[in-house]
Amino acid sequence: WYAAGAAGSGSTNRANRAAFDQWRIVPRMLSGATDRDPSVTVLGTTMPAPVLTAPVGVQGIMHPDAELAVARATRELGVPMVLSTASSYPLEEVAEANGDGQVDAA
């Protein structure tokens, strides 16, 4: 219930959903966008896409591999992982699972 309840009363979750609902994806057919490059550089770090993981803590209540699974996935995808200070695993173990990927503590 911790995760399903948005870690409390859910008011932040409702506000986030309302803000997100203001955005729309608008398809643009035949606009000449045949050569796409979603990569981006943020603070001098080039990423394959403008995506990184959120620092979600205590992932062990959802899955036994918790942050280790996220570290493996971000390594495979080449996107940065942001690790919560409330991680279920020590930073060293998550970094080992992430291999050559990026792990930033938040």
Protein backbone atom coordinates (compact mmCIF):
# COMPACT_ATOMS: atom_id res chain seq x y z
CA TRP A 1 0.00 0.00 0.00
CA TYR A 2 2.98 2.32 0.46
CA ALA A 3 3.60 2.45 -3.30
CA ALA A 4 -0.04 2.23 -4.38
CA GLY A 5 -0.97 5.07 -2.02
CA ALA A 6 1.75 7.34 -3.44
CA ALA A 7 3.63 7.15 -0.12
CA GLY A 8 1.00 8.99 1.92
CA SER A 9 -2.32 10.71 1.33
CA GLY A 10 -1.75 10.81 -2.42
CA SER A 11 -2.10 14.60 -2.74
CA THR A 12 1.29 14.98 -4.44
CA ASN A 13 0.42 12.13 -6.80
CA ARG A 14 -2.87 13.83 -7.74
CA ALA A 15 -1.12 17.18 -8.33
CA ASN A 16 1.56 15.48 -10.46
CA ARG A 17 -1.06 13.65 -12.54
CA ALA A 18 -3.02 16.88 -13.10
CA ALA A 19 0.14 18.68 -14.24
CA PHE A 20 1.15 15.79 -16.51
CA ASP A 21 -2.34 15.69 -18.06
CA GLN A 22 -1.69 19.18 -19.47
CA TRP A 23 0.83 17.72 -21.96
CA ARG A 24 -0.09 16.01 -25.22
CA ILE A 25 1.86 14.13 -27.89
CA VAL A 26 1.00 15.60 -31.27
CA PRO A 27 1.98 13.38 -34.22
CA ARG A 28 3.47 15.27 -37.15
CA MET A 29 3.10 13.14 -40.26
CA LEU A 30 5.28 13.73 -43.32
CA SER A 31 7.28 16.49 -41.61
CA GLY A 32 10.67 15.32 -42.93
CA ALA A 33 11.91 13.99 -39.59
CA THR A 34 13.57 10.91 -41.05
CA ASP A 35 16.96 11.33 -39.36
CA ARG A 36 16.23 11.40 -35.62
CA ASP A 37 18.71 11.76 -32.79
CA PRO A 38 17.11 11.83 -29.32
CA SER A 39 20.49 12.21 -27.58
CA VAL A 40 21.03 15.18 -25.33
CA THR A 41 23.89 16.70 -23.32
CA VAL A 42 23.12 17.69 -19.73
CA LEU A 43 25.82 19.34 -17.62
CA GLY A 44 28.50 18.03 -19.98
CA THR A 45 27.21 14.43 -19.96
CA THR A 46 25.87 13.03 -23.22
CA MET A 47 22.90 10.69 -22.85
CA PRO A 48 21.17 8.60 -25.53
CA ALA A 49 17.83 10.22 -24.62
CA PRO A 50 16.60 12.89 -22.19
CA VAL A 51 15.69 10.19 -19.67
CA LEU A 52 17.02 9.11 -16.29
CA THR A 53 15.54 7.15 -13.42
CA ALA A 54 13.92 8.83 -10.46
CA PRO A 55 15.44 8.27 -6.99
CA VAL A 56 12.78 5.90 -5.66
CA GLY A 57 13.68 4.58 -2.21
CA VAL A 58 12.94 1.30 -0.49
CA GLN A 59 12.37 -0.57 -3.75
CA GLY A 60 12.92 -3.81 -1.85
CA ILE A 61 9.27 -3.74 -0.74
CA MET A 62 8.27 -4.15 -4.41
CA HIS A 63 10.88 -6.63 -5.71
CA PRO A 64 13.78 -8.56 -4.15
CA ASP A 65 16.31 -7.25 -6.73
CA ALA A 66 15.14 -3.69 -6.11
CA GLU A 67 17.73 -1.09 -7.13
CA LEU A 68 20.04 -3.79 -8.49
CA ALA A 69 17.48 -4.57 -11.23
CA VAL A 70 17.16 -0.87 -12.06
CA ALA A 71 20.96 -0.57 -12.19
CA ARG A 72 21.19 -3.47 -14.65
CA ALA A 73 18.41 -2.01 -16.82
CA THR A 74 19.93 1.48 -16.93
CA ARG A 75 23.33 0.00 -17.77
CA GLU A 76 21.78 -1.89 -20.69
CA LEU A 77 19.86 1.18 -21.93
CA GLY A 78 22.75 3.60 -21.40
CA VAL A 79 20.70 6.05 -19.35
CA PRO A 80 21.75 7.48 -15.97
CA MET A 81 20.39 6.04 -12.75
CA VAL A 82 19.63 8.31 -9.80
CA LEU A 83 19.88 6.35 -6.55
CA SER A 84 17.83 7.26 -3.49
CA THR A 85 19.53 7.68 -0.13
CA ALA A 86 16.86 5.25 1.11
CA SER A 87 18.10 2.48 -1.17
CA SER A 88 17.52 -1.15 -0.21
CA TYR A 89 21.11 -1.95 -1.25
CA PRO A 90 24.43 -0.21 -0.50
CA LEU A 91 25.76 2.20 -3.14
CA GLU A 92 28.71 -0.12 -3.81
CA GLU A 93 26.44 -3.05 -4.74
CA VAL A 94 24.25 -0.88 -6.96
CA ALA A 95 27.34 0.56 -8.66
CA GLU A 96 28.65 -2.96 -9.28
CA ALA A 97 25.31 -3.99 -10.85
CA ASN A 98 25.41 -0.83 -12.97
CA GLY A 99 28.88 -1.68 -14.32
CA ASP A 100 30.11 1.10 -16.61
CA GLY A 101 26.80 2.96 -16.39
CA GLN A 102 26.15 6.16 -14.48
CA VAL A 103 24.85 6.19 -10.91
CA ASP A 104 24.14 9.53 -9.20
CA ALA A 105 23.15 9.61 -5.55
CA ALA A 106 20.28 11.91 -4.60
